[in-house]
Amino acid sequence: MARFSILLAGRVDPTPALRDALAGSRVIAADDGIRHASALGLSPELWVGDFDSTPQHPAIELTSITREPFPRDKDQTDGELAIEAAIARGATHLTLVGALGGRRSDHAFTHLVLALRYAEAGLDVELFDGFEHGWPLLPSARRFDLAPGTQFSILKFSDLTGLTIAGAKWPLTDLTVPFQSILTQSNEALGPVEISIERGRAILLAQADPSVR
């Protein structure tokens, strides 16, 4: 499996857990996402974007990284370009780092949409920034090894049909949950959590385990 980490411009907490999760992966940075590389001990093989949010004179350690510039007026985000570059290099697993938080809520939303898009295309996608861990949820059954007490929510991107949650403080069984419902917010893991969906799309977002930070 070709594992790629995509450095995005949102918040990052360079915890040991995050460093371990990224170890051994190939790395591509999207524009200002490059600022996370040093703190995470990563050496990107490629730096893409329009470079409108990076210093005009970057630090000397960044000058040797291969750059792929794009015009500022374009119909793809820098993160999307970085993901496409990873796929062109054979990526089958993507970890989106710095996809959440930060100054731009619209960017965080875009990254969630991209995570779902590429999961639907058959890639193994996760989001991890040291604060939160996320996974796209498509029609299937999946098990997530969450520590007891972990807070998690399911962010819906459509109506959900046949939603079942097991291993949580508030379980659900074969429920239809409309998009506008907030029923799936703020649950708590009792241990490993199993989630299945018959129809719909969502993102599972869990707080990082503080015991391993």
N, C-alpha and C. Protein backbone atom coordinates (compact mmCIF):
# COMPACT_ATOMS: atom_id res chain seq x y z
N MET A 1 0.85 -1.19 0.00
CA MET A 1 0.00 0.00 0.00
C MET A 1 0.88 1.24 0.00
N ALA A 2 0.64 2.17 -0.92
CA ALA A 2 1.40 3.41 -1.01
C ALA A 2 0.75 4.45 -0.10
N ARG A 3 1.41 4.77 1.00
CA ARG A 3 0.88 5.70 2.00
C ARG A 3 1.45 7.09 1.77
N PHE A 4 0.56 8.06 1.67
CA PHE A 4 0.95 9.45 1.50
C PHE A 4 0.32 10.30 2.60
N SER A 5 1.09 11.23 3.13
CA SER A 5 0.57 12.23 4.04
C SER A 5 0.51 13.56 3.30
N ILE A 6 -0.63 14.23 3.40
CA ILE A 6 -0.84 15.51 2.73
C ILE A 6 -0.87 16.60 3.80
N LEU A 7 0.10 17.51 3.76
CA LEU A 7 0.18 18.58 4.74
C LEU A 7 -0.66 19.76 4.29
N LEU A 8 -1.69 20.08 5.07
CA LEU A 8 -2.61 21.18 4.78
C LEU A 8 -2.41 22.29 5.81
N ALA A 9 -3.09 23.40 5.63
CA ALA A 9 -2.75 24.61 6.38
C ALA A 9 -3.50 24.78 7.70
N GLY A 10 -4.35 23.81 8.07
CA GLY A 10 -5.10 23.93 9.32
C GLY A 10 -4.23 23.66 10.54
N ARG A 11 -4.86 23.54 11.68
CA ARG A 11 -4.13 23.35 12.94
C ARG A 11 -3.50 21.95 13.00
N VAL A 12 -2.39 21.86 13.69
CA VAL A 12 -1.70 20.59 13.91
C VAL A 12 -1.06 20.61 15.30
N ASP A 13 -1.22 19.53 16.03
CA ASP A 13 -0.52 19.32 17.29
C ASP A 13 0.45 18.16 17.07
N PRO A 14 1.75 18.42 16.99
CA PRO A 14 2.72 17.38 16.62
C PRO A 14 2.98 16.39 17.75
N THR A 15 1.95 15.65 18.12
CA THR A 15 2.04 14.70 19.22
C THR A 15 2.82 13.45 18.79
N PRO A 16 3.32 12.68 19.76
CA PRO A 16 3.95 11.40 19.41
C PRO A 16 3.01 10.49 18.62
N ALA A 17 1.72 10.51 18.95
CA ALA A 17 0.76 9.67 18.22
C ALA A 17 0.67 10.07 16.76
N LEU A 18 0.67 11.37 16.50
CA LEU A 18 0.61 11.83 15.11
C LEU A 18 1.90 11.51 14.39
N ARG A 19 3.02 11.74 15.03
CA ARG A 19 4.31 11.42 14.41
C ARG A 19 4.38 9.93 14.05
N ASP A 20 3.93 9.08 14.97
CA ASP A 20 3.96 7.64 14.72
C ASP A 20 3.05 7.27 13.55
N ALA A 21 1.89 7.93 13.47
CA ALA A 21 0.94 7.61 12.40
C ALA A 21 1.49 7.97 11.03
N LEU A 22 2.35 8.97 10.98
CA LEU A 22 2.87 9.45 9.70
C LEU A 22 4.21 8.82 9.33
N ALA A 23 4.83 8.13 10.27
CA ALA A 23 6.16 7.57 10.03
C ALA A 23 6.14 6.61 8.85
N GLY A 24 7.09 6.76 7.96
CA GLY A 24 7.22 5.87 6.82
C GLY A 24 6.38 6.24 5.62
N SER A 25 5.56 7.30 5.75
CA SER A 25 4.73 7.69 4.60
C SER A 25 5.50 8.67 3.73
N ARG A 26 5.09 8.75 2.47
CA ARG A 26 5.59 9.79 1.58
C ARG A 26 4.77 11.05 1.83
N VAL A 27 5.39 12.21 1.61
CA VAL A 27 4.77 13.46 2.05
C VAL A 27 4.71 14.47 0.91
N ILE A 28 3.54 15.08 0.75
CA ILE A 28 3.36 16.19 -0.17
C ILE A 28 2.72 17.34 0.61
N ALA A 29 3.27 18.53 0.47
CA ALA A 29 2.76 19.70 1.17
C ALA A 29 1.95 20.58 0.22
N ALA A 30 0.85 21.11 0.74
CA ALA A 30 0.01 22.03 -0.02
C ALA A 30 0.21 23.44 0.52
N ASP A 31 0.88 24.28 -0.25
CA ASP A 31 1.07 25.69 0.09
C ASP A 31 1.51 25.86 1.54
N ASP A 32 0.73 26.58 2.37
CA ASP A 32 1.15 26.90 3.73
C ASP A 32 1.22 25.66 4.64
N GLY A 33 0.74 24.52 4.18
CA GLY A 33 0.88 23.29 4.94
C GLY A 33 2.34 22.91 5.16
N ILE A 34 3.24 23.49 4.39
CA ILE A 34 4.66 23.22 4.53
C ILE A 34 5.17 23.57 5.93
N ARG A 35 4.51 24.50 6.61
CA ARG A 35 5.01 24.95 7.91
C ARG A 35 4.92 23.85 8.97
N HIS A 36 4.16 22.78 8.71
CA HIS A 36 4.06 21.69 9.68
C HIS A 36 5.19 20.66 9.52
N ALA A 37 5.89 20.71 8.43
CA ALA A 37 6.86 19.65 8.12
C ALA A 37 7.93 19.53 9.19
N SER A 38 8.53 20.63 9.58
CA SER A 38 9.63 20.59 10.53
C SER A 38 9.19 20.06 11.89
N ALA A 39 8.05 20.54 12.39
CA ALA A 39 7.57 20.11 13.70
C ALA A 39 7.23 18.63 13.73
N LEU A 40 6.85 18.09 12.58
CA LEU A 40 6.49 16.67 12.49
C LEU A 40 7.67 15.80 12.08
N GLY A 41 8.81 16.42 11.81
CA GLY A 41 9.98 15.66 11.40
C GLY A 41 9.83 15.04 10.03
N LEU A 42 9.14 15.72 9.13
CA LEU A 42 8.86 15.18 7.80
C LEU A 42 9.63 15.94 6.73
N SER A 43 9.95 15.23 5.65
CA SER A 43 10.64 15.83 4.51
C SER A 43 9.78 15.66 3.27
N PRO A 44 8.97 16.65 2.92
CA PRO A 44 8.12 16.51 1.73
C PRO A 44 8.93 16.29 0.46
N GLU A 45 8.42 15.45 -0.41
CA GLU A 45 9.06 15.24 -1.71
C GLU A 45 8.54 16.23 -2.74
N LEU A 46 7.43 16.91 -2.40
CA LEU A 46 6.83 17.85 -3.35
C LEU A 46 6.05 18.89 -2.56
N TRP A 47 6.08 20.12 -3.09
CA TRP A 47 5.38 21.25 -2.49
C TRP A 47 4.57 21.90 -3.60
N VAL A 48 3.24 21.85 -3.50
CA VAL A 48 2.40 22.35 -4.58
C VAL A 48 1.52 23.50 -4.09
N GLY A 49 1.05 24.30 -5.02
CA GLY A 49 0.10 25.35 -4.69
C GLY A 49 0.37 26.62 -5.46
N ASP A 50 -0.42 27.65 -5.13
CA ASP A 50 -0.19 28.95 -5.77
C ASP A 50 0.76 29.81 -4.93
N PHE A 51 1.12 29.31 -3.74
CA PHE A 51 2.10 29.96 -2.86
C PHE A 51 1.70 31.39 -2.49
N ASP A 52 0.39 31.60 -2.36
CA ASP A 52 -0.08 32.93 -1.96
C ASP A 52 -0.08 33.11 -0.45
N SER A 53 0.16 32.03 0.31
CA SER A 53 0.15 32.13 1.76
C SER A 53 1.45 31.66 2.39
N THR A 54 2.51 31.58 1.58
CA THR A 54 3.82 31.18 2.09
C THR A 54 4.77 32.39 2.02
N PRO A 55 5.81 32.40 2.84
CA PRO A 55 6.73 33.54 2.83
C PRO A 55 7.38 33.74 1.47
N GLN A 56 7.60 34.99 1.12
CA GLN A 56 8.26 35.28 -0.16
C GLN A 56 9.68 34.73 -0.17
N HIS A 57 10.31 34.73 1.00
CA HIS A 57 11.65 34.19 1.13
C HIS A 57 11.61 33.08 2.17
N PRO A 58 11.34 31.83 1.75
CA PRO A 58 11.19 30.73 2.71
C PRO A 58 12.51 30.41 3.39
N ALA A 59 12.40 29.71 4.53
CA ALA A 59 13.58 29.28 5.26
C ALA A 59 14.47 28.43 4.36
N ILE A 60 15.77 28.47 4.64
CA ILE A 60 16.74 27.82 3.77
C ILE A 60 16.46 26.34 3.60
N GLU A 61 15.93 25.68 4.67
CA GLU A 61 15.67 24.24 4.57
C GLU A 61 14.53 23.91 3.62
N LEU A 62 13.74 24.91 3.22
CA LEU A 62 12.63 24.67 2.30
C LEU A 62 13.02 24.89 0.84
N THR A 63 14.14 25.52 0.61
CA THR A 63 14.48 25.91 -0.75
C THR A 63 14.83 24.72 -1.64
N SER A 64 15.19 23.58 -1.04
CA SER A 64 15.59 22.42 -1.84
C SER A 64 14.41 21.52 -2.20
N ILE A 65 13.22 21.80 -1.66
CA ILE A 65 12.05 20.97 -1.95
C ILE A 65 11.53 21.29 -3.35
N THR A 66 11.24 20.25 -4.11
CA THR A 66 10.70 20.44 -5.45
C THR A 66 9.33 21.11 -5.36
N ARG A 67 9.19 22.19 -6.12
CA ARG A 67 7.93 22.94 -6.13
C ARG A 67 7.18 22.72 -7.45
N GLU A 68 5.86 22.70 -7.33
CA GLU A 68 5.01 22.67 -8.52
C GLU A 68 4.02 23.83 -8.39
N PRO A 69 4.32 24.96 -9.01
CA PRO A 69 3.47 26.15 -8.84
C PRO A 69 2.23 26.11 -9.73
N PHE A 70 1.17 26.74 -9.24
CA PHE A 70 -0.08 26.87 -9.99
C PHE A 70 -0.54 28.32 -9.90
N PRO A 71 -1.30 28.78 -10.86
CA PRO A 71 -1.82 30.16 -10.78
C PRO A 71 -2.80 30.30 -9.62
N ARG A 72 -2.89 31.51 -9.10
CA ARG A 72 -3.82 31.76 -8.00
C ARG A 72 -5.27 31.60 -8.45
N ASP A 73 -5.58 32.02 -9.67
CA ASP A 73 -6.93 31.87 -10.20
C ASP A 73 -7.04 30.50 -10.85
N LYS A 74 -7.63 29.56 -10.13
CA LYS A 74 -7.74 28.18 -10.60
C LYS A 74 -9.01 27.57 -10.03
N ASP A 75 -9.40 26.40 -10.57
CA ASP A 75 -10.64 25.78 -10.12
C ASP A 75 -10.39 24.57 -9.23
N GLN A 76 -9.20 24.45 -8.65
CA GLN A 76 -8.89 23.43 -7.67
C GLN A 76 -8.19 24.07 -6.49
N THR A 77 -8.43 23.55 -5.29
CA THR A 77 -7.73 24.06 -4.12
C THR A 77 -6.31 23.48 -4.09
N ASP A 78 -5.44 24.12 -3.29
CA ASP A 78 -4.08 23.61 -3.16
C ASP A 78 -4.09 22.20 -2.57
N GLY A 79 -4.98 21.95 -1.61
CA GLY A 79 -5.08 20.62 -1.04
C GLY A 79 -5.49 19.58 -2.07
N GLU A 80 -6.43 19.93 -2.92
CA GLU A 80 -6.87 19.03 -3.98
C GLU A 80 -5.73 18.72 -4.93
N LEU A 81 -4.95 19.73 -5.27
CA LEU A 81 -3.80 19.53 -6.16
C LEU A 81 -2.77 18.61 -5.51
N ALA A 82 -2.56 18.75 -4.21
CA ALA A 82 -1.61 17.88 -3.51
C ALA A 82 -2.10 16.44 -3.50
N ILE A 83 -3.40 16.25 -3.28
CA ILE A 83 -3.96 14.89 -3.29
C ILE A 83 -3.83 14.28 -4.68
N GLU A 84 -4.14 15.04 -5.72
CA GLU A 84 -4.03 14.52 -7.08
C GLU A 84 -2.58 14.16 -7.41
N ALA A 85 -1.63 14.94 -6.89
CA ALA A 85 -0.22 14.63 -7.11
C ALA A 85 0.14 13.32 -6.44
N ALA A 86 -0.41 13.07 -5.25
CA ALA A 86 -0.16 11.81 -4.55
C ALA A 86 -0.74 10.63 -5.32
N ILE A 87 -1.94 10.81 -5.84
CA ILE A 87 -2.58 9.73 -6.61
C ILE A 87 -1.77 9.43 -7.87
N ALA A 88 -1.26 10.48 -8.51
CA ALA A 88 -0.45 10.28 -9.71
C ALA A 88 0.82 9.50 -9.39
N ARG A 89 1.24 9.53 -8.13
CA ARG A 89 2.43 8.79 -7.70
C ARG A 89 2.09 7.44 -7.11
N GLY A 90 0.84 7.03 -7.23
CA GLY A 90 0.45 5.69 -6.81
C GLY A 90 -0.18 5.58 -5.44
N ALA A 91 -0.62 6.67 -4.85
CA ALA A 91 -1.19 6.63 -3.50
C ALA A 91 -2.43 5.74 -3.45
N THR A 92 -2.49 4.90 -2.41
CA THR A 92 -3.70 4.14 -2.11
C THR A 92 -4.24 4.48 -0.72
N HIS A 93 -3.40 5.08 0.11
CA HIS A 93 -3.81 5.51 1.46
C HIS A 93 -3.40 6.97 1.63
N LEU A 94 -4.35 7.80 2.07
CA LEU A 94 -4.09 9.22 2.28
C LEU A 94 -4.38 9.59 3.73
N THR A 95 -3.44 10.27 4.36
CA THR A 95 -3.69 10.89 5.65
C THR A 95 -3.65 12.40 5.45
N LEU A 96 -4.77 13.05 5.70
CA LEU A 96 -4.86 14.50 5.55
C LEU A 96 -4.52 15.13 6.89
N VAL A 97 -3.41 15.86 6.92
CA VAL A 97 -2.88 16.45 8.16
C VAL A 97 -3.12 17.95 8.11
N GLY A 98 -3.73 18.50 9.16
CA GLY A 98 -4.05 19.92 9.13
C GLY A 98 -5.27 20.23 8.30
N ALA A 99 -6.18 19.26 8.21
CA ALA A 99 -7.39 19.46 7.39
C ALA A 99 -8.47 20.23 8.13
N LEU A 100 -8.35 20.34 9.46
CA LEU A 100 -9.41 20.93 10.27
C LEU A 100 -8.89 22.15 11.01
N GLY A 101 -9.80 22.91 11.61
CA GLY A 101 -9.40 24.08 12.38
C GLY A 101 -8.78 25.15 11.51
N GLY A 102 -7.97 26.00 12.14
CA GLY A 102 -7.33 27.08 11.39
C GLY A 102 -8.25 28.27 11.19
N ARG A 103 -7.80 29.20 10.36
CA ARG A 103 -8.52 30.47 10.18
C ARG A 103 -9.65 30.39 9.17
N ARG A 104 -9.70 29.31 8.36
CA ARG A 104 -10.66 29.24 7.27
C ARG A 104 -11.59 28.04 7.45
N SER A 105 -12.80 28.29 7.95
CA SER A 105 -13.78 27.22 8.10
C SER A 105 -14.17 26.63 6.76
N ASP A 106 -14.16 27.48 5.70
CA ASP A 106 -14.51 26.95 4.38
C ASP A 106 -13.47 25.93 3.91
N HIS A 107 -12.20 26.14 4.28
CA HIS A 107 -11.17 25.16 3.91
C HIS A 107 -11.39 23.84 4.64
N ALA A 108 -11.75 23.91 5.93
CA ALA A 108 -12.02 22.68 6.68
C ALA A 108 -13.17 21.91 6.05
N PHE A 109 -14.23 22.62 5.68
CA PHE A 109 -15.37 21.97 5.02
C PHE A 109 -14.93 21.32 3.71
N THR A 110 -14.13 22.04 2.94
CA THR A 110 -13.64 21.50 1.67
C THR A 110 -12.86 20.21 1.88
N HIS A 111 -12.04 20.16 2.92
CA HIS A 111 -11.24 18.97 3.17
C HIS A 111 -12.11 17.77 3.54
N LEU A 112 -13.21 18.01 4.24
CA LEU A 112 -14.13 16.91 4.54
C LEU A 112 -14.79 16.40 3.27
N VAL A 113 -15.17 17.31 2.40
CA VAL A 113 -15.76 16.91 1.12
C VAL A 113 -14.75 16.11 0.29
N LEU A 114 -13.51 16.57 0.26
CA LEU A 114 -12.48 15.85 -0.49
C LEU A 114 -12.24 14.46 0.09
N ALA A 115 -12.25 14.35 1.42
CA ALA A 115 -12.07 13.04 2.05
C ALA A 115 -13.15 12.07 1.59
N LEU A 116 -14.39 12.54 1.53
CA LEU A 116 -15.47 11.67 1.06
C LEU A 116 -15.31 11.35 -0.43
N ARG A 117 -14.93 12.35 -1.22
CA ARG A 117 -14.79 12.11 -2.66
C ARG A 117 -13.76 11.02 -2.94
N TYR A 118 -12.61 11.12 -2.31
CA TYR A 118 -11.55 10.16 -2.61
C TYR A 118 -11.80 8.80 -1.96
N ALA A 119 -12.53 8.77 -0.86
CA ALA A 119 -12.94 7.49 -0.30
C ALA A 119 -13.90 6.78 -1.24
N GLU A 120 -14.82 7.54 -1.83
CA GLU A 120 -15.74 6.95 -2.81
C GLU A 120 -15.01 6.45 -4.04
N ALA A 121 -13.86 7.05 -4.34
CA ALA A 121 -13.06 6.62 -5.49
C ALA A 121 -12.22 5.38 -5.18
N GLY A 122 -12.30 4.90 -3.93
CA GLY A 122 -11.62 3.66 -3.58
C GLY A 122 -10.35 3.82 -2.77
N LEU A 123 -9.97 5.05 -2.39
CA LEU A 123 -8.78 5.24 -1.59
C LEU A 123 -9.11 5.10 -0.10
N ASP A 124 -8.13 4.66 0.65
CA ASP A 124 -8.25 4.59 2.11
C ASP A 124 -7.85 5.96 2.64
N VAL A 125 -8.81 6.70 3.21
CA VAL A 125 -8.59 8.09 3.60
C VAL A 125 -8.85 8.26 5.09
N GLU A 126 -7.98 9.00 5.75
CA GLU A 126 -8.22 9.41 7.13
C GLU A 126 -7.73 10.84 7.32
N LEU A 127 -8.24 11.48 8.36
CA LEU A 127 -7.80 12.82 8.73
C LEU A 127 -7.24 12.72 10.15
N PHE A 128 -6.08 13.31 10.38
CA PHE A 128 -5.49 13.27 11.72
C PHE A 128 -4.61 14.49 11.87
N ASP A 129 -4.82 15.23 12.98
CA ASP A 129 -4.01 16.42 13.20
C ASP A 129 -3.44 16.51 14.61
N GLY A 130 -3.56 15.42 15.38
CA GLY A 130 -3.11 15.42 16.76
C GLY A 130 -4.19 15.84 17.73
N PHE A 131 -5.17 16.61 17.25
CA PHE A 131 -6.32 17.01 18.06
C PHE A 131 -7.51 16.08 17.82
N GLU A 132 -7.77 15.81 16.55
CA GLU A 132 -8.92 15.01 16.16
C GLU A 132 -8.51 14.00 15.08
N HIS A 133 -9.27 12.92 15.04
CA HIS A 133 -9.07 11.87 14.05
C HIS A 133 -10.38 11.69 13.31
N GLY A 134 -10.34 11.60 12.00
CA GLY A 134 -11.55 11.48 11.22
C GLY A 134 -11.45 10.43 10.13
N TRP A 135 -12.62 9.86 9.79
CA TRP A 135 -12.70 8.85 8.73
C TRP A 135 -13.99 9.05 7.93
N PRO A 136 -13.95 8.96 6.61
CA PRO A 136 -15.18 8.98 5.82
C PRO A 136 -16.02 7.74 6.11
N LEU A 137 -17.33 7.92 6.14
CA LEU A 137 -18.26 6.81 6.33
C LEU A 137 -19.13 6.70 5.08
N LEU A 138 -19.03 5.55 4.42
CA LEU A 138 -19.83 5.23 3.25
C LEU A 138 -20.66 4.00 3.57
N PRO A 139 -21.61 3.62 2.71
CA PRO A 139 -22.40 2.42 3.00
C PRO A 139 -21.52 1.19 3.21
N SER A 140 -21.43 0.74 4.44
CA SER A 140 -20.59 -0.40 4.82
C SER A 140 -20.65 -0.52 6.34
N ALA A 141 -19.95 -1.50 6.88
CA ALA A 141 -19.79 -1.65 8.32
C ALA A 141 -18.31 -1.56 8.65
N ARG A 142 -17.95 -0.74 9.63
CA ARG A 142 -16.55 -0.56 10.00
C ARG A 142 -16.39 -0.55 11.52
N ARG A 143 -15.21 -0.97 11.95
CA ARG A 143 -14.86 -0.97 13.37
C ARG A 143 -13.74 0.03 13.60
N PHE A 144 -13.88 0.84 14.64
CA PHE A 144 -12.89 1.86 14.96
C PHE A 144 -12.39 1.63 16.38
N ASP A 145 -11.08 1.53 16.52
CA ASP A 145 -10.48 1.23 17.83
C ASP A 145 -10.33 2.51 18.64
N LEU A 146 -11.44 2.98 19.18
CA LEU A 146 -11.44 4.17 20.02
C LEU A 146 -11.29 3.77 21.48
N ALA A 147 -10.53 4.57 22.22
CA ALA A 147 -10.34 4.30 23.63
C ALA A 147 -11.61 4.63 24.40
N PRO A 148 -11.89 3.90 25.48
CA PRO A 148 -13.07 4.23 26.30
C PRO A 148 -13.04 5.70 26.73
N GLY A 149 -14.18 6.35 26.63
CA GLY A 149 -14.29 7.76 26.99
C GLY A 149 -14.06 8.72 25.85
N THR A 150 -13.62 8.22 24.69
CA THR A 150 -13.37 9.10 23.54
C THR A 150 -14.67 9.74 23.07
N GLN A 151 -14.67 11.05 22.93
CA GLN A 151 -15.83 11.77 22.40
C GLN A 151 -15.80 11.71 20.88
N PHE A 152 -16.95 11.42 20.28
CA PHE A 152 -16.99 11.39 18.82
C PHE A 152 -18.35 11.85 18.31
N SER A 153 -18.35 12.32 17.08
CA SER A 153 -19.57 12.73 16.41
C SER A 153 -19.56 12.17 14.99
N ILE A 154 -20.75 12.01 14.43
CA ILE A 154 -20.89 11.64 13.03
C ILE A 154 -21.46 12.86 12.31
N LEU A 155 -20.65 13.44 11.44
CA LEU A 155 -21.07 14.62 10.68
C LEU A 155 -21.70 14.16 9.38
N LYS A 156 -22.98 14.43 9.21
CA LYS A 156 -23.70 13.93 8.05
C LYS A 156 -23.54 14.85 6.85
N PHE A 157 -23.42 14.25 5.68
CA PHE A 157 -23.41 14.99 4.43
C PHE A 157 -24.60 14.60 3.56
N SER A 158 -25.54 13.86 4.14
CA SER A 158 -26.78 13.47 3.48
C SER A 158 -27.67 12.85 4.55
N ASP A 159 -28.88 12.49 4.18
CA ASP A 159 -29.68 11.64 5.06
C ASP A 159 -28.94 10.31 5.22
N LEU A 160 -29.06 9.71 6.39
CA LEU A 160 -28.46 8.39 6.61
C LEU A 160 -29.57 7.37 6.83
N THR A 161 -29.46 6.26 6.13
CA THR A 161 -30.43 5.17 6.26
C THR A 161 -29.73 3.95 6.83
N GLY A 162 -30.40 3.29 7.77
CA GLY A 162 -29.84 2.07 8.34
C GLY A 162 -28.60 2.31 9.17
N LEU A 163 -28.57 3.42 9.90
CA LEU A 163 -27.41 3.73 10.74
C LEU A 163 -27.46 2.91 12.02
N THR A 164 -26.37 2.20 12.28
CA THR A 164 -26.22 1.44 13.51
C THR A 164 -24.90 1.82 14.16
N ILE A 165 -24.95 2.13 15.44
CA ILE A 165 -23.75 2.45 16.23
C ILE A 165 -23.73 1.51 17.42
N ALA A 166 -22.67 0.73 17.55
CA ALA A 166 -22.50 -0.18 18.68
C ALA A 166 -21.20 0.15 19.39
N GLY A 167 -21.17 -0.09 20.71
CA GLY A 167 -19.97 0.19 21.48
C GLY A 167 -19.88 1.62 21.96
N ALA A 168 -21.03 2.31 22.01
CA ALA A 168 -21.06 3.71 22.40
C ALA A 168 -22.06 3.91 23.55
N LYS A 169 -21.90 5.03 24.24
CA LYS A 169 -22.80 5.34 25.35
C LYS A 169 -24.23 5.46 24.87
N TRP A 170 -24.39 6.02 23.66
CA TRP A 170 -25.72 6.14 23.07
C TRP A 170 -25.75 5.36 21.76
N PRO A 171 -26.07 4.07 21.82
CA PRO A 171 -26.10 3.25 20.61
C PRO A 171 -27.35 3.54 19.78
N LEU A 172 -27.26 3.20 18.51
CA LEU A 172 -28.39 3.30 17.60
C LEU A 172 -28.49 2.01 16.81
N THR A 173 -29.70 1.66 16.41
CA THR A 173 -29.89 0.42 15.66
C THR A 173 -30.79 0.66 14.46
N ASP A 174 -30.23 0.50 13.28
CA ASP A 174 -30.98 0.53 12.03
C ASP A 174 -31.91 1.74 11.95
N LEU A 175 -31.33 2.91 12.16
CA LEU A 175 -32.12 4.14 12.24
C LEU A 175 -31.95 4.97 10.98
N THR A 176 -33.01 5.64 10.57
CA THR A 176 -32.93 6.64 9.52
C THR A 176 -32.79 8.01 10.18
N VAL A 177 -31.71 8.71 9.82
CA VAL A 177 -31.43 10.00 10.44
C VAL A 177 -31.37 11.06 9.34
N PRO A 178 -32.28 12.02 9.32
CA PRO A 178 -32.26 13.05 8.27
C PRO A 178 -31.04 13.96 8.41
N PHE A 179 -30.66 14.54 7.31
CA PHE A 179 -29.48 15.41 7.28
C PHE A 179 -29.54 16.50 8.33
N GLN A 180 -30.72 17.08 8.54
CA GLN A 180 -30.82 18.23 9.44
C GLN A 180 -30.85 17.84 10.92
N SER A 181 -30.87 16.55 11.24
CA SER A 181 -30.88 16.11 12.63
C SER A 181 -29.48 16.25 13.25
N ILE A 182 -29.44 16.59 14.56
CA ILE A 182 -28.16 16.63 15.27
C ILE A 182 -28.04 15.44 16.23
N LEU A 183 -28.80 14.39 15.99
CA LEU A 183 -28.80 13.22 16.85
C LEU A 183 -27.43 12.57 16.95
N THR A 184 -26.63 12.67 15.91
CA THR A 184 -25.35 11.95 15.89
C THR A 184 -24.18 12.78 16.41
N GLN A 185 -24.46 13.90 17.06
CA GLN A 185 -23.40 14.72 17.64
C GLN A 185 -23.09 14.27 19.07
N SER A 186 -21.80 14.35 19.44
CA SER A 186 -21.36 14.21 20.83
C SER A 186 -21.77 12.90 21.48
N ASN A 187 -21.23 11.83 20.98
CA ASN A 187 -21.39 10.51 21.59
C ASN A 187 -20.10 10.17 22.33
N GLU A 188 -20.07 9.03 23.00
CA GLU A 188 -18.89 8.63 23.78
C GLU A 188 -18.62 7.14 23.59
N ALA A 189 -17.38 6.83 23.23
CA ALA A 189 -17.01 5.43 23.03
C ALA A 189 -16.88 4.70 24.36
N LEU A 190 -17.36 3.47 24.39
CA LEU A 190 -17.15 2.59 25.55
C LEU A 190 -15.93 1.71 25.34
N GLY A 191 -15.39 1.76 24.16
CA GLY A 191 -14.28 0.93 23.69
C GLY A 191 -14.35 0.97 22.18
N PRO A 192 -13.90 -0.06 21.49
CA PRO A 192 -14.04 -0.08 20.03
C PRO A 192 -15.49 0.16 19.62
N VAL A 193 -15.67 0.99 18.59
CA VAL A 193 -17.00 1.37 18.11
C VAL A 193 -17.22 0.77 16.73
N GLU A 194 -18.37 0.20 16.52
CA GLU A 194 -18.75 -0.34 15.21
C GLU A 194 -19.88 0.51 14.64
N ILE A 195 -19.68 0.93 13.40
CA ILE A 195 -20.66 1.79 12.73
C ILE A 195 -21.00 1.20 11.37
N SER A 196 -22.28 1.11 11.08
CA SER A 196 -22.69 0.64 9.75
C SER A 196 -23.75 1.59 9.21
N ILE A 197 -23.71 1.75 7.89
CA ILE A 197 -24.66 2.61 7.17
C ILE A 197 -25.12 1.86 5.93
N GLU A 198 -26.42 1.87 5.67
CA GLU A 198 -26.93 1.26 4.45
C GLU A 198 -26.89 2.23 3.28
N ARG A 199 -27.26 3.49 3.53
CA ARG A 199 -27.21 4.52 2.50
C ARG A 199 -26.85 5.85 3.15
N GLY A 200 -26.03 6.62 2.42
CA GLY A 200 -25.67 7.94 2.89
C GLY A 200 -24.17 8.14 2.99
N ARG A 201 -23.78 9.35 3.37
CA ARG A 201 -22.37 9.72 3.48
C ARG A 201 -22.19 10.56 4.73
N ALA A 202 -21.09 10.30 5.43
CA ALA A 202 -20.82 11.04 6.65
C ALA A 202 -19.33 10.98 6.97
N ILE A 203 -18.94 11.73 7.97
CA ILE A 203 -17.58 11.70 8.49
C ILE A 203 -17.65 11.38 9.98
N LEU A 204 -16.88 10.37 10.42
CA LEU A 204 -16.72 10.12 11.84
C LEU A 204 -15.57 10.98 12.33
N LEU A 205 -15.83 11.82 13.33
CA LEU A 205 -14.81 12.71 13.88
C LEU A 205 -14.67 12.42 15.36
N ALA A 206 -13.47 11.97 15.77
CA ALA A 206 -13.23 11.58 17.16
C ALA A 206 -12.11 12.42 17.76
N GLN A 207 -12.24 12.74 19.04
CA GLN A 207 -11.17 13.43 19.72
C GLN A 207 -9.97 12.51 19.86
N ALA A 208 -8.76 13.07 19.69
CA ALA A 208 -7.56 12.26 19.85
C ALA A 208 -7.46 11.79 21.30
N ASP A 209 -6.94 10.59 21.48
CA ASP A 209 -6.79 10.00 22.81
C ASP A 209 -5.75 10.79 23.60
N PRO A 210 -6.15 11.51 24.68
CA PRO A 210 -5.19 12.34 25.41
C PRO A 210 -4.10 11.53 26.08
N SER A 211 -4.33 10.24 26.32
CA SER A 211 -3.34 9.41 27.02
C SER A 211 -2.13 9.12 26.14
N VAL A 212 -2.25 9.32 24.81
CA VAL A 212 -1.13 9.02 23.92
C VAL A 212 -0.64 10.29 23.23
N ARG A 213 -1.01 11.44 23.74
CA ARG A 213 -0.58 12.70 23.15
C ARG A 213 0.73 13.16 23.74
